[in-house]
Each structure stands twice: as C-alpha cells, then as structure tokens.
Amino acid sequence: MASTGGGFLIGFGACVLLVGLGANLILGQYYGQVMAWKDEVQQIYYITHSGPYETSINFLDQLSSVPFIGDVSGVRSATSTMRQVRQASEDAYYAINTLEFAPQYLMYAMIFGIVLAGLGSILAVRARSRVRKGTVNPSDPPPPPPIRVCPKCGYVSSSNQKFCSNCGLSLN
C-alpha cells in the first residue's frame, strides 16, 4: 500500500512540477510585454469607472430615448461602445493584476510538486526496504494454520492441541 501511495505522490508531484514549469516558461515569454502596459490599463480603468464617465453613459441612454435624436445620430451605438470599453478595461485591469502574482504562485506550485515527489520517493523506498527485509511480502498469502492428524484414529485437528480430542492420544 505504501509503494502505491508513494508512486501516486511521485507521479502527481511530477505532473504539478511539469505543469508549473511549462506555465512559467510560457508566462516568461510574454510577462514583460504585458506588464509594460500596466500603467495605461490602470489609467483607462480609472477613467471608465469614474463618475463623469458613468454620467455620460446615463446621459446618452436618456438621449437615445428621444425619438428623433436616438434614431438618427447613432447615440445608441455610442452608448453600447462606451459600455464595451468599460467592460474591456475592467477585464484587462483584473487580468494584469492577476498576472502580476502568477510567477510567484507558479513557483509555489513547482516547490509543492518537488515536495510531493520527494515524499512519494520516501514512501516507495520504505515500502521496498520492508519487502527486502522479509517483514512484508505482498505476493505471499498468509500461512495456513497448523494441521495435525492423529496417527491412531486419523482425526484432523486444525489447532495447536497436544492431545487428540477424539481418542486422547498425544500428538507430540
């Protein structure tokens, strides 16, 4: 059982390590390029989530309800575009803030994978050393109980009795 658990921990730890390493390599290619835009994304986010921007969207909504102005001048499309810009800036802002901490978490994942693989190796080695010492042999079934046959009457006894329970003869 310990070798199975050890093998699982080795495999799972290796997978976590490899996924973390691969993600870190991919992230390393683009991290600098994306983080160069952090200040601009924050500025756009703060503008699109400000009071005047919200007031402008509300004003355009009210203006689009006027029959002649809303139909002719494209006010509805302007309102829709402003909402899309606000949503896109929010998505980019949260993505960059998440990306800022990603290398640290990937490093934690790789360390966790190494620890799991190490613990699995320890369990597997301990289980293998027990098998070699002879204390545990998983392929052998447990020994059967001793069977004694009385030479006089032929009675079969499966316990460690010193005398036959049928005729009383000594079984030593």
N, C-alpha and C. Protein backbone atom coordinates (compact mmCIF):
# COMPACT_ATOMS: atom_id res chain seq x y z
N MET A 1 0.83 -1.19 0.00
CA MET A 1 0.00 0.00 0.00
C MET A 1 0.87 1.25 0.00
N ALA A 2 1.96 1.22 0.73
CA ALA A 2 2.82 2.39 0.80
C ALA A 2 3.50 2.63 -0.54
N SER A 3 3.85 1.55 -1.26
CA SER A 3 4.50 1.77 -2.54
C SER A 3 3.50 2.33 -3.55
N THR A 4 2.23 1.94 -3.46
CA THR A 4 1.22 2.50 -4.35
C THR A 4 1.00 3.98 -4.04
N GLY A 5 0.89 4.31 -2.77
CA GLY A 5 0.76 5.72 -2.37
C GLY A 5 1.99 6.51 -2.75
N GLY A 6 3.16 5.91 -2.58
CA GLY A 6 4.39 6.59 -2.96
C GLY A 6 4.46 6.83 -4.46
N GLY A 7 4.05 5.84 -5.24
CA GLY A 7 4.02 6.01 -6.70
C GLY A 7 3.05 7.09 -7.12
N PHE A 8 1.90 7.13 -6.47
CA PHE A 8 0.93 8.19 -6.78
C PHE A 8 1.51 9.56 -6.48
N LEU A 9 2.14 9.70 -5.30
CA LEU A 9 2.71 11.00 -4.94
C LEU A 9 3.84 11.40 -5.88
N ILE A 10 4.66 10.45 -6.29
CA ILE A 10 5.72 10.75 -7.25
C ILE A 10 5.12 11.23 -8.56
N GLY A 11 4.13 10.52 -9.07
CA GLY A 11 3.52 10.89 -10.34
C GLY A 11 2.79 12.22 -10.28
N PHE A 12 2.00 12.41 -9.23
CA PHE A 12 1.26 13.67 -9.11
C PHE A 12 2.20 14.85 -8.90
N GLY A 13 3.23 14.64 -8.07
CA GLY A 13 4.21 15.70 -7.85
C GLY A 13 4.96 16.05 -9.13
N ALA A 14 5.31 15.04 -9.92
CA ALA A 14 5.99 15.30 -11.19
C ALA A 14 5.08 16.06 -12.15
N CYS A 15 3.80 15.71 -12.18
CA CYS A 15 2.85 16.43 -13.04
C CYS A 15 2.72 17.89 -12.62
N VAL A 16 2.58 18.14 -11.33
CA VAL A 16 2.46 19.51 -10.84
C VAL A 16 3.73 20.29 -11.17
N LEU A 17 4.87 19.66 -10.99
CA LEU A 17 6.14 20.30 -11.30
C LEU A 17 6.24 20.64 -12.79
N LEU A 18 5.89 19.71 -13.65
CA LEU A 18 6.00 19.95 -15.10
C LEU A 18 5.00 20.99 -15.59
N VAL A 19 3.79 20.94 -15.07
CA VAL A 19 2.79 21.94 -15.48
C VAL A 19 3.23 23.33 -15.00
N GLY A 20 3.70 23.42 -13.78
CA GLY A 20 4.18 24.71 -13.26
C GLY A 20 5.37 25.22 -14.06
N LEU A 21 6.29 24.32 -14.40
CA LEU A 21 7.47 24.72 -15.18
C LEU A 21 7.07 25.18 -16.58
N GLY A 22 6.16 24.43 -17.22
CA GLY A 22 5.71 24.83 -18.56
C GLY A 22 4.97 26.15 -18.55
N ALA A 23 4.09 26.33 -17.58
CA ALA A 23 3.36 27.60 -17.48
C ALA A 23 4.31 28.76 -17.19
N ASN A 24 5.33 28.52 -16.39
CA ASN A 24 6.30 29.56 -16.08
C ASN A 24 7.11 29.92 -17.32
N LEU A 25 7.46 28.93 -18.13
CA LEU A 25 8.20 29.21 -19.37
C LEU A 25 7.35 30.02 -20.35
N ILE A 26 6.08 29.64 -20.48
CA ILE A 26 5.19 30.37 -21.39
C ILE A 26 4.95 31.78 -20.86
N LEU A 27 4.72 31.90 -19.57
CA LEU A 27 4.48 33.21 -18.98
C LEU A 27 5.72 34.11 -19.10
N GLY A 28 6.89 33.52 -18.98
CA GLY A 28 8.12 34.30 -19.09
C GLY A 28 8.31 34.94 -20.44
N GLN A 29 7.74 34.34 -21.48
CA GLN A 29 7.86 34.90 -22.82
C GLN A 29 7.10 36.22 -22.97
N TYR A 30 5.97 36.34 -22.30
CA TYR A 30 5.08 37.48 -22.52
C TYR A 30 4.94 38.40 -21.31
N TYR A 31 5.49 38.02 -20.18
CA TYR A 31 5.27 38.77 -18.95
C TYR A 31 5.74 40.22 -19.08
N GLY A 32 6.92 40.44 -19.58
CA GLY A 32 7.45 41.80 -19.71
C GLY A 32 6.65 42.65 -20.66
N GLN A 33 6.21 42.05 -21.76
CA GLN A 33 5.42 42.81 -22.74
C GLN A 33 4.07 43.22 -22.18
N VAL A 34 3.43 42.33 -21.45
CA VAL A 34 2.11 42.64 -20.89
C VAL A 34 2.23 43.65 -19.75
N MET A 35 3.22 43.47 -18.89
CA MET A 35 3.36 44.37 -17.75
C MET A 35 3.79 45.77 -18.17
N ALA A 36 4.31 45.93 -19.38
CA ALA A 36 4.66 47.27 -19.87
C ALA A 36 3.42 48.13 -20.05
N TRP A 37 2.27 47.50 -20.23
CA TRP A 37 1.00 48.22 -20.44
C TRP A 37 0.23 48.43 -19.15
N LYS A 38 0.79 48.07 -18.02
CA LYS A 38 0.05 48.12 -16.76
C LYS A 38 -0.44 49.53 -16.42
N ASP A 39 0.41 50.52 -16.54
CA ASP A 39 0.01 51.89 -16.19
C ASP A 39 -1.10 52.40 -17.10
N GLU A 40 -1.00 52.11 -18.40
CA GLU A 40 -2.04 52.57 -19.33
C GLU A 40 -3.37 51.89 -19.06
N VAL A 41 -3.33 50.58 -18.76
CA VAL A 41 -4.56 49.84 -18.47
C VAL A 41 -5.21 50.37 -17.20
N GLN A 42 -4.40 50.66 -16.18
CA GLN A 42 -4.95 51.22 -14.94
C GLN A 42 -5.57 52.59 -15.19
N GLN A 43 -4.92 53.39 -16.01
CA GLN A 43 -5.46 54.72 -16.30
C GLN A 43 -6.80 54.62 -17.02
N ILE A 44 -6.89 53.74 -18.02
CA ILE A 44 -8.15 53.56 -18.73
C ILE A 44 -9.22 53.01 -17.80
N TYR A 45 -8.84 52.09 -16.92
CA TYR A 45 -9.81 51.53 -15.96
C TYR A 45 -10.37 52.62 -15.06
N TYR A 46 -9.49 53.46 -14.53
CA TYR A 46 -9.96 54.52 -13.62
C TYR A 46 -10.82 55.55 -14.35
N ILE A 47 -10.52 55.82 -15.61
CA ILE A 47 -11.34 56.76 -16.39
C ILE A 47 -12.72 56.17 -16.65
N THR A 48 -12.74 54.90 -17.09
CA THR A 48 -14.03 54.29 -17.45
C THR A 48 -14.87 53.92 -16.24
N HIS A 49 -14.32 53.96 -15.05
CA HIS A 49 -15.09 53.69 -13.84
C HIS A 49 -15.24 54.94 -12.98
N SER A 50 -15.09 56.09 -13.60
CA SER A 50 -15.23 57.36 -12.87
C SER A 50 -16.68 57.85 -12.95
N GLY A 51 -16.97 58.80 -12.11
CA GLY A 51 -18.32 59.38 -12.09
C GLY A 51 -18.70 60.08 -13.39
N PRO A 52 -17.82 60.93 -13.96
CA PRO A 52 -18.18 61.60 -15.21
C PRO A 52 -18.45 60.61 -16.36
N TYR A 53 -17.71 59.53 -16.42
CA TYR A 53 -17.92 58.54 -17.48
C TYR A 53 -19.29 57.89 -17.31
N GLU A 54 -19.62 57.54 -16.08
CA GLU A 54 -20.94 56.94 -15.80
C GLU A 54 -22.06 57.93 -16.11
N THR A 55 -21.84 59.19 -15.77
CA THR A 55 -22.83 60.23 -16.07
C THR A 55 -23.02 60.36 -17.58
N SER A 56 -21.94 60.28 -18.33
CA SER A 56 -22.03 60.37 -19.80
C SER A 56 -22.84 59.21 -20.36
N ILE A 57 -22.61 58.01 -19.84
CA ILE A 57 -23.39 56.86 -20.32
C ILE A 57 -24.86 57.03 -19.99
N ASN A 58 -25.18 57.49 -18.79
CA ASN A 58 -26.58 57.71 -18.40
C ASN A 58 -27.23 58.79 -19.27
N PHE A 59 -26.47 59.86 -19.56
CA PHE A 59 -27.00 60.93 -20.40
C PHE A 59 -27.28 60.42 -21.81
N LEU A 60 -26.36 59.62 -22.36
CA LEU A 60 -26.58 59.08 -23.70
C LEU A 60 -27.75 58.10 -23.72
N ASP A 61 -27.96 57.37 -22.63
CA ASP A 61 -29.13 56.49 -22.54
C ASP A 61 -30.43 57.31 -22.59
N GLN A 62 -30.46 58.40 -21.83
CA GLN A 62 -31.64 59.24 -21.82
C GLN A 62 -31.84 59.92 -23.18
N LEU A 63 -30.75 60.33 -23.80
CA LEU A 63 -30.82 61.00 -25.10
C LEU A 63 -31.30 60.04 -26.18
N SER A 64 -30.92 58.75 -26.06
CA SER A 64 -31.34 57.77 -27.07
C SER A 64 -32.83 57.47 -26.98
N SER A 65 -33.48 57.81 -25.85
CA SER A 65 -34.92 57.57 -25.74
C SER A 65 -35.74 58.64 -26.44
N VAL A 66 -35.11 59.76 -26.79
CA VAL A 66 -35.80 60.81 -27.57
C VAL A 66 -35.95 60.27 -28.99
N PRO A 67 -37.17 60.26 -29.55
CA PRO A 67 -37.42 59.56 -30.82
C PRO A 67 -36.54 60.04 -31.98
N PHE A 68 -36.47 61.30 -32.23
CA PHE A 68 -35.76 61.77 -33.42
C PHE A 68 -34.24 61.70 -33.22
N ILE A 69 -33.74 62.09 -32.06
CA ILE A 69 -32.29 62.14 -31.83
C ILE A 69 -31.72 60.73 -31.69
N GLY A 70 -32.40 59.84 -30.99
CA GLY A 70 -31.89 58.49 -30.76
C GLY A 70 -31.82 57.67 -32.02
N ASP A 71 -32.71 57.91 -32.97
CA ASP A 71 -32.72 57.11 -34.19
C ASP A 71 -31.70 57.59 -35.21
N VAL A 72 -31.48 58.87 -35.30
CA VAL A 72 -30.69 59.43 -36.39
C VAL A 72 -29.20 59.50 -36.06
N SER A 73 -28.86 59.92 -34.90
CA SER A 73 -27.47 60.31 -34.63
C SER A 73 -26.56 59.18 -34.15
N GLY A 74 -27.01 57.96 -33.99
CA GLY A 74 -26.14 56.86 -33.55
C GLY A 74 -25.80 56.91 -32.08
N VAL A 75 -26.69 57.51 -31.28
CA VAL A 75 -26.43 57.62 -29.85
C VAL A 75 -26.44 56.24 -29.19
N ARG A 76 -27.30 55.37 -29.66
CA ARG A 76 -27.37 54.03 -29.08
C ARG A 76 -26.06 53.26 -29.29
N SER A 77 -25.47 53.38 -30.46
CA SER A 77 -24.21 52.68 -30.71
C SER A 77 -23.07 53.29 -29.88
N ALA A 78 -23.13 54.59 -29.64
CA ALA A 78 -22.10 55.23 -28.81
C ALA A 78 -22.21 54.74 -27.37
N THR A 79 -23.43 54.63 -26.87
CA THR A 79 -23.64 54.12 -25.51
C THR A 79 -23.14 52.68 -25.41
N SER A 80 -23.48 51.88 -26.39
CA SER A 80 -23.04 50.48 -26.40
C SER A 80 -21.51 50.38 -26.45
N THR A 81 -20.89 51.22 -27.26
CA THR A 81 -19.42 51.21 -27.36
C THR A 81 -18.78 51.63 -26.05
N MET A 82 -19.35 52.63 -25.40
CA MET A 82 -18.79 53.07 -24.11
C MET A 82 -18.89 51.97 -23.06
N ARG A 83 -19.99 51.23 -23.06
CA ARG A 83 -20.14 50.11 -22.12
C ARG A 83 -19.14 48.99 -22.43
N GLN A 84 -18.92 48.73 -23.71
CA GLN A 84 -17.95 47.71 -24.10
C GLN A 84 -16.53 48.11 -23.70
N VAL A 85 -16.20 49.38 -23.86
CA VAL A 85 -14.87 49.86 -23.46
C VAL A 85 -14.70 49.73 -21.95
N ARG A 86 -15.75 50.06 -21.19
CA ARG A 86 -15.67 49.93 -19.74
C ARG A 86 -15.47 48.47 -19.34
N GLN A 87 -16.21 47.55 -19.98
CA GLN A 87 -16.06 46.12 -19.66
C GLN A 87 -14.68 45.60 -20.06
N ALA A 88 -14.19 46.02 -21.22
CA ALA A 88 -12.86 45.58 -21.66
C ALA A 88 -11.77 46.11 -20.74
N SER A 89 -11.91 47.35 -20.29
CA SER A 89 -10.89 47.89 -19.38
C SER A 89 -10.92 47.17 -18.04
N GLU A 90 -12.10 46.80 -17.59
CA GLU A 90 -12.22 46.05 -16.34
C GLU A 90 -11.57 44.67 -16.47
N ASP A 91 -11.84 43.99 -17.58
CA ASP A 91 -11.23 42.67 -17.80
C ASP A 91 -9.71 42.76 -17.86
N ALA A 92 -9.20 43.75 -18.59
CA ALA A 92 -7.74 43.91 -18.71
C ALA A 92 -7.12 44.28 -17.36
N TYR A 93 -7.78 45.12 -16.61
CA TYR A 93 -7.26 45.54 -15.30
C TYR A 93 -7.12 44.34 -14.36
N TYR A 94 -8.16 43.51 -14.28
CA TYR A 94 -8.11 42.35 -13.40
C TYR A 94 -7.14 41.29 -13.92
N ALA A 95 -7.03 41.17 -15.23
CA ALA A 95 -6.08 40.20 -15.79
C ALA A 95 -4.65 40.60 -15.48
N ILE A 96 -4.33 41.87 -15.60
CA ILE A 96 -2.96 42.32 -15.31
C ILE A 96 -2.67 42.19 -13.82
N ASN A 97 -3.63 42.50 -12.97
CA ASN A 97 -3.41 42.34 -11.53
C ASN A 97 -3.20 40.88 -11.15
N THR A 98 -3.90 39.98 -11.82
CA THR A 98 -3.71 38.55 -11.58
C THR A 98 -2.37 38.09 -12.12
N LEU A 99 -2.03 38.57 -13.29
CA LEU A 99 -0.77 38.19 -13.94
C LEU A 99 0.44 38.65 -13.14
N GLU A 100 0.28 39.71 -12.40
CA GLU A 100 1.39 40.25 -11.62
C GLU A 100 1.87 39.25 -10.56
N PHE A 101 0.95 38.45 -10.01
CA PHE A 101 1.30 37.49 -8.97
C PHE A 101 1.48 36.06 -9.50
N ALA A 102 1.24 35.85 -10.77
CA ALA A 102 1.30 34.50 -11.33
C ALA A 102 2.67 33.84 -11.19
N PRO A 103 3.79 34.52 -11.46
CA PRO A 103 5.08 33.83 -11.32
C PRO A 103 5.34 33.33 -9.90
N GLN A 104 4.89 34.08 -8.91
CA GLN A 104 5.08 33.67 -7.52
C GLN A 104 4.27 32.39 -7.24
N TYR A 105 3.02 32.35 -7.69
CA TYR A 105 2.20 31.16 -7.45
C TYR A 105 2.69 29.96 -8.24
N LEU A 106 3.21 30.20 -9.44
CA LEU A 106 3.77 29.09 -10.21
C LEU A 106 5.02 28.52 -9.51
N MET A 107 5.80 29.38 -8.91
CA MET A 107 6.97 28.92 -8.16
C MET A 107 6.52 28.08 -6.96
N TYR A 108 5.47 28.52 -6.27
CA TYR A 108 4.93 27.73 -5.16
C TYR A 108 4.45 26.36 -5.66
N ALA A 109 3.82 26.33 -6.81
CA ALA A 109 3.33 25.05 -7.37
C ALA A 109 4.51 24.13 -7.69
N MET A 110 5.57 24.67 -8.24
CA MET A 110 6.73 23.83 -8.55
C MET A 110 7.39 23.29 -7.28
N ILE A 111 7.48 24.12 -6.25
CA ILE A 111 8.04 23.65 -4.97
C ILE A 111 7.14 22.57 -4.37
N PHE A 112 5.82 22.77 -4.46
CA PHE A 112 4.88 21.78 -3.97
C PHE A 112 5.03 20.46 -4.72
N GLY A 113 5.23 20.52 -6.04
CA GLY A 113 5.45 19.31 -6.83
C GLY A 113 6.71 18.58 -6.42
N ILE A 114 7.78 19.33 -6.15
CA ILE A 114 9.03 18.71 -5.71
C ILE A 114 8.84 18.04 -4.35
N VAL A 115 8.13 18.71 -3.45
CA VAL A 115 7.88 18.13 -2.12
C VAL A 115 7.05 16.86 -2.23
N LEU A 116 6.01 16.88 -3.05
CA LEU A 116 5.18 15.67 -3.23
C LEU A 116 5.99 14.52 -3.80
N ALA A 117 6.80 14.80 -4.82
CA ALA A 117 7.62 13.75 -5.42
C ALA A 117 8.63 13.22 -4.40
N GLY A 118 9.20 14.09 -3.59
CA GLY A 118 10.14 13.65 -2.56
C GLY A 118 9.47 12.76 -1.52
N LEU A 119 8.29 13.16 -1.06
CA LEU A 119 7.56 12.33 -0.09
C LEU A 119 7.18 10.99 -0.70
N GLY A 120 6.77 11.00 -1.95
CA GLY A 120 6.44 9.75 -2.63
C GLY A 120 7.64 8.85 -2.76
N SER A 121 8.80 9.42 -3.04
CA SER A 121 10.03 8.63 -3.13
C SER A 121 10.36 8.00 -1.78
N ILE A 122 10.21 8.76 -0.73
CA ILE A 122 10.48 8.22 0.61
C ILE A 122 9.55 7.05 0.92
N LEU A 123 8.24 7.22 0.62
CA LEU A 123 7.29 6.12 0.86
C LEU A 123 7.62 4.89 0.03
N ALA A 124 7.96 5.08 -1.22
CA ALA A 124 8.26 3.94 -2.09
C ALA A 124 9.53 3.22 -1.64
N VAL A 125 10.55 3.95 -1.24
CA VAL A 125 11.79 3.33 -0.77
C VAL A 125 11.54 2.58 0.53
N ARG A 126 10.77 3.16 1.43
CA ARG A 126 10.46 2.47 2.70
C ARG A 126 9.69 1.18 2.44
N ALA A 127 8.74 1.21 1.52
CA ALA A 127 7.96 0.01 1.23
C ALA A 127 8.85 -1.07 0.59
N ARG A 128 9.75 -0.67 -0.29
CA ARG A 128 10.63 -1.63 -0.93
C ARG A 128 11.62 -2.23 0.08
N SER A 129 12.10 -1.42 1.03
CA SER A 129 13.04 -1.95 2.02
C SER A 129 12.35 -2.94 2.95
N ARG A 130 11.09 -2.74 3.23
CA ARG A 130 10.36 -3.71 4.06
C ARG A 130 10.23 -5.05 3.34
N VAL A 131 9.99 -4.99 2.03
CA VAL A 131 9.86 -6.23 1.26
C VAL A 131 11.19 -6.97 1.24
N ARG A 132 12.29 -6.25 1.10
CA ARG A 132 13.62 -6.89 1.05
C ARG A 132 14.00 -7.50 2.39
N LYS A 133 13.61 -6.89 3.49
CA LYS A 133 13.95 -7.40 4.81
C LYS A 133 13.14 -8.64 5.17
N GLY A 134 12.07 -8.87 4.45
CA GLY A 134 11.24 -10.04 4.72
C GLY A 134 10.12 -9.79 5.68
N THR A 135 9.96 -8.58 6.16
CA THR A 135 8.87 -8.32 7.09
C THR A 135 7.53 -8.30 6.36
N VAL A 136 7.54 -7.90 5.11
CA VAL A 136 6.31 -7.85 4.32
C VAL A 136 6.62 -8.42 2.95
N ASN A 137 5.86 -9.41 2.52
CA ASN A 137 5.99 -9.93 1.16
C ASN A 137 4.59 -9.94 0.57
N PRO A 138 4.25 -8.94 -0.24
CA PRO A 138 2.88 -8.82 -0.70
C PRO A 138 2.43 -9.94 -1.63
N SER A 139 3.37 -10.68 -2.24
CA SER A 139 2.94 -11.73 -3.16
C SER A 139 2.59 -13.04 -2.45
N ASP A 140 3.08 -13.24 -1.22
CA ASP A 140 2.80 -14.48 -0.50
C ASP A 140 1.51 -14.34 0.31
N PRO A 141 0.65 -15.38 0.26
CA PRO A 141 -0.55 -15.35 1.11
C PRO A 141 -0.14 -15.65 2.56
N PRO A 142 -0.99 -15.35 3.51
CA PRO A 142 -0.66 -15.65 4.90
C PRO A 142 -0.56 -17.17 5.10
N PRO A 143 0.31 -17.61 5.99
CA PRO A 143 0.47 -19.07 6.19
C PRO A 143 -0.79 -19.68 6.77
N PRO A 144 -1.09 -20.91 6.37
CA PRO A 144 -2.29 -21.57 6.91
C PRO A 144 -2.03 -22.01 8.36
N PRO A 145 -3.10 -22.23 9.12
CA PRO A 145 -2.91 -22.70 10.50
C PRO A 145 -2.36 -24.14 10.47
N PRO A 146 -1.60 -24.52 11.49
CA PRO A 146 -1.03 -25.89 11.50
C PRO A 146 -2.13 -26.95 11.60
N ILE A 147 -1.93 -28.03 10.85
CA ILE A 147 -2.90 -29.13 10.84
C ILE A 147 -2.20 -30.37 11.41
N ARG A 148 -2.85 -31.02 12.35
CA ARG A 148 -2.31 -32.25 12.95
C ARG A 148 -3.30 -33.39 12.73
N VAL A 149 -2.75 -34.55 12.37
CA VAL A 149 -3.57 -35.74 12.15
C VAL A 149 -3.17 -36.79 13.20
N CYS A 150 -4.16 -37.33 13.87
CA CYS A 150 -3.91 -38.35 14.90
C CYS A 150 -3.50 -39.66 14.20
N PRO A 151 -2.35 -40.23 14.58
CA PRO A 151 -1.92 -41.48 13.92
C PRO A 151 -2.78 -42.70 14.28
N LYS A 152 -3.50 -42.65 15.39
CA LYS A 152 -4.30 -43.79 15.83
C LYS A 152 -5.68 -43.79 15.17
N CYS A 153 -6.41 -42.67 15.26
CA CYS A 153 -7.79 -42.65 14.76
C CYS A 153 -7.95 -41.86 13.46
N GLY A 154 -6.93 -41.08 13.06
CA GLY A 154 -7.00 -40.30 11.82
C GLY A 154 -7.77 -39.01 11.94
N TYR A 155 -8.08 -38.58 13.17
CA TYR A 155 -8.82 -37.33 13.39
C TYR A 155 -7.94 -36.14 13.01
N VAL A 156 -8.51 -35.18 12.25
CA VAL A 156 -7.78 -33.99 11.81
C VAL A 156 -8.08 -32.85 12.77
N SER A 157 -7.02 -32.25 13.32
CA SER A 157 -7.15 -31.14 14.24
C SER A 157 -6.44 -29.93 13.63
N SER A 158 -7.11 -28.79 13.59
CA SER A 158 -6.50 -27.61 12.98
C SER A 158 -5.97 -26.64 14.02
N SER A 159 -5.94 -27.03 15.26
CA SER A 159 -5.43 -26.14 16.29
C SER A 159 -4.14 -26.70 16.86
N ASN A 160 -3.57 -25.98 17.79
CA ASN A 160 -2.32 -26.41 18.42
C ASN A 160 -2.59 -27.28 19.65
N GLN A 161 -3.38 -28.29 19.51
CA GLN A 161 -3.69 -29.18 20.63
C GLN A 161 -2.57 -30.20 20.80
N LYS A 162 -2.29 -30.52 22.05
CA LYS A 162 -1.25 -31.51 22.35
C LYS A 162 -1.79 -32.94 22.34
N PHE A 163 -3.11 -33.09 22.54
CA PHE A 163 -3.73 -34.40 22.56
C PHE A 163 -4.88 -34.42 21.58
N CYS A 164 -5.15 -35.59 21.03
CA CYS A 164 -6.26 -35.77 20.09
C CYS A 164 -7.57 -35.64 20.87
N SER A 165 -8.49 -34.83 20.35
CA SER A 165 -9.76 -34.63 21.05
C SER A 165 -10.72 -35.80 20.83
N ASN A 166 -10.37 -36.74 19.93
CA ASN A 166 -11.23 -37.88 19.66
C ASN A 166 -10.84 -39.10 20.53
N CYS A 167 -9.52 -39.43 20.50
CA CYS A 167 -9.08 -40.64 21.23
C CYS A 167 -8.19 -40.33 22.42
N GLY A 168 -7.65 -39.15 22.56
CA GLY A 168 -6.83 -38.76 23.69
C GLY A 168 -5.36 -39.06 23.52
N LEU A 169 -4.91 -39.53 22.34
CA LEU A 169 -3.52 -39.85 22.09
C LEU A 169 -2.70 -38.57 22.03
N SER A 170 -1.45 -38.60 22.52
CA SER A 170 -0.56 -37.45 22.48
C SER A 170 -0.13 -37.21 21.02
N LEU A 171 -0.22 -35.95 20.60
CA LEU A 171 0.11 -35.58 19.21
C LEU A 171 1.51 -35.01 19.07
N ASN A 172 2.35 -35.13 20.09
CA ASN A 172 3.71 -34.56 20.01
C ASN A 172 4.61 -35.38 19.21
